[in-house]
Amino acid sequence: MTIDWLPDRGIRRAILALGAAGLTVIATGAFLEALWLLGLGVWAVIAAMMIELVYRP
């Protein structure tokens, strides 16, 4: 049985929260037809992906 390292779980949770928030903002921006919300959501998803790529435990 392996023991998860506590900071790894925190980073994973932050990545999932940032990605979910980004997707929510993208959906809201698409519904309201607000390009600035779409852009903000896309940047949030890009940030989550970059954190995932850089922080590879």
C-alpha atoms as a PDB file:
ATOM      1  CA  MET A   1       0.000   0.000   0.000  1.00  0.00           C
ATOM      2  CA  THR A   2       1.348   3.425  -0.920  1.00  0.00           C
ATOM      3  CA  ILE A   3       0.959   6.571   1.122  1.00  0.00           C
ATOM      4  CA  ASP A   4       0.100   9.726  -0.838  1.00  0.00           C
ATOM      5  CA  TRP A   5       2.359  12.641  -0.147  1.00  0.00           C
ATOM      6  CA  LEU A   6       0.218  15.468   1.272  1.00  0.00           C
ATOM      7  CA  PRO A   7       1.422  18.307  -1.032  1.00  0.00           C
ATOM      8  CA  ASP A   8       0.714  16.103  -4.074  1.00  0.00           C
ATOM      9  CA  ARG A   9      -2.920  15.799  -3.073  1.00  0.00           C
ATOM     10  CA  GLY A  10      -3.116  19.544  -2.502  1.00  0.00           C
ATOM     11  CA  ILE A  11      -1.709  20.320  -5.931  1.00  0.00           C
ATOM     12  CA  ARG A  12      -4.050  17.772  -7.539  1.00  0.00           C
ATOM     13  CA  ARG A  13      -7.022  19.358  -5.768  1.00  0.00           C
ATOM     14  CA  ALA A  14      -5.937  22.851  -6.872  1.00  0.00           C
ATOM     15  CA  ILE A  15      -5.571  21.699 -10.493  1.00  0.00           C
ATOM     16  CA  LEU A  16      -9.022  20.123 -10.486  1.00  0.00           C
ATOM     17  CA  ALA A  17     -10.585  23.187  -8.851  1.00  0.00           C
ATOM     18  CA  LEU A  18      -8.913  25.563 -11.328  1.00  0.00           C
ATOM     19  CA  GLY A  19      -9.968  23.417 -14.279  1.00  0.00           C
ATOM     20  CA  ALA A  20     -13.554  23.090 -13.060  1.00  0.00           C
ATOM     21  CA  ALA A  21     -13.785  26.822 -12.412  1.00  0.00           C
ATOM     22  CA  GLY A  22     -12.377  27.528 -15.865  1.00  0.00           C
ATOM     23  CA  LEU A  23     -14.888  25.232 -17.552  1.00  0.00           C
ATOM     24  CA  THR A  24     -17.719  26.839 -15.585  1.00  0.00           C
ATOM     25  CA  VAL A  25     -16.612  30.313 -16.651  1.00  0.00           C
ATOM     26  CA  ILE A  26     -16.315  29.141 -20.275  1.00  0.00           C
ATOM     27  CA  ALA A  27     -19.858  27.750 -20.199  1.00  0.00           C
ATOM     28  CA  THR A  28     -21.181  30.948 -18.613  1.00  0.00           C
ATOM     29  CA  GLY A  29     -19.367  33.074 -21.172  1.00  0.00           C
ATOM     30  CA  ALA A  30     -20.779  31.004 -24.022  1.00  0.00           C
ATOM     31  CA  PHE A  31     -24.289  31.265 -22.590  1.00  0.00           C
ATOM     32  CA  LEU A  32     -24.043  35.040 -22.086  1.00  0.00           C
ATOM     33  CA  GLU A  33     -22.072  35.537 -25.303  1.00  0.00           C
ATOM     34  CA  ALA A  34     -19.379  37.413 -23.374  1.00  0.00           C
ATOM     35  CA  LEU A  35     -15.970  36.996 -24.972  1.00  0.00           C
ATOM     36  CA  TRP A  36     -14.126  38.313 -21.932  1.00  0.00           C
ATOM     37  CA  LEU A  37     -15.603  35.486 -19.830  1.00  0.00           C
ATOM     38  CA  LEU A  38     -14.640  32.954 -22.488  1.00  0.00           C
ATOM     39  CA  GLY A  39     -11.095  34.311 -22.494  1.00  0.00           C
ATOM     40  CA  LEU A  40     -10.868  34.241 -18.717  1.00  0.00           C
ATOM     41  CA  GLY A  41     -12.091  30.642 -18.618  1.00  0.00           C
ATOM     42  CA  VAL A  42      -9.673  29.545 -21.322  1.00  0.00           C
ATOM     43  CA  TRP A  43      -6.755  31.100 -19.441  1.00  0.00           C
ATOM     44  CA  ALA A  44      -7.835  29.317 -16.248  1.00  0.00           C
ATOM     45  CA  VAL A  45      -7.894  25.958 -18.054  1.00  0.00           C
ATOM     46  CA  ILE A  46      -4.510  26.716 -19.655  1.00  0.00           C
ATOM     47  CA  ALA A  47      -3.091  27.549 -16.215  1.00  0.00           C
ATOM     48  CA  ALA A  48      -4.418  24.265 -14.807  1.00  0.00           C
ATOM     49  CA  MET A  49      -2.856  22.350 -17.696  1.00  0.00           C
ATOM     50  CA  MET A  50       0.485  24.125 -17.283  1.00  0.00           C
ATOM     51  CA  ILE A  51       0.557  23.384 -13.547  1.00  0.00           C
ATOM     52  CA  GLU A  52      -0.183  19.733 -14.337  1.00  0.00           C
ATOM     53  CA  LEU A  53       2.627  19.588 -16.895  1.00  0.00           C
ATOM     54  CA  VAL A  54       5.210  21.376 -14.756  1.00  0.00           C
ATOM     55  CA  TYR A  55       4.357  19.779 -11.415  1.00  0.00           C
ATOM     56  CA  ARG A  56       4.790  16.098 -12.204  1.00  0.00           C
ATOM     57  CA  PRO A  57       5.616  14.292  -8.936  1.00  0.00           C
END
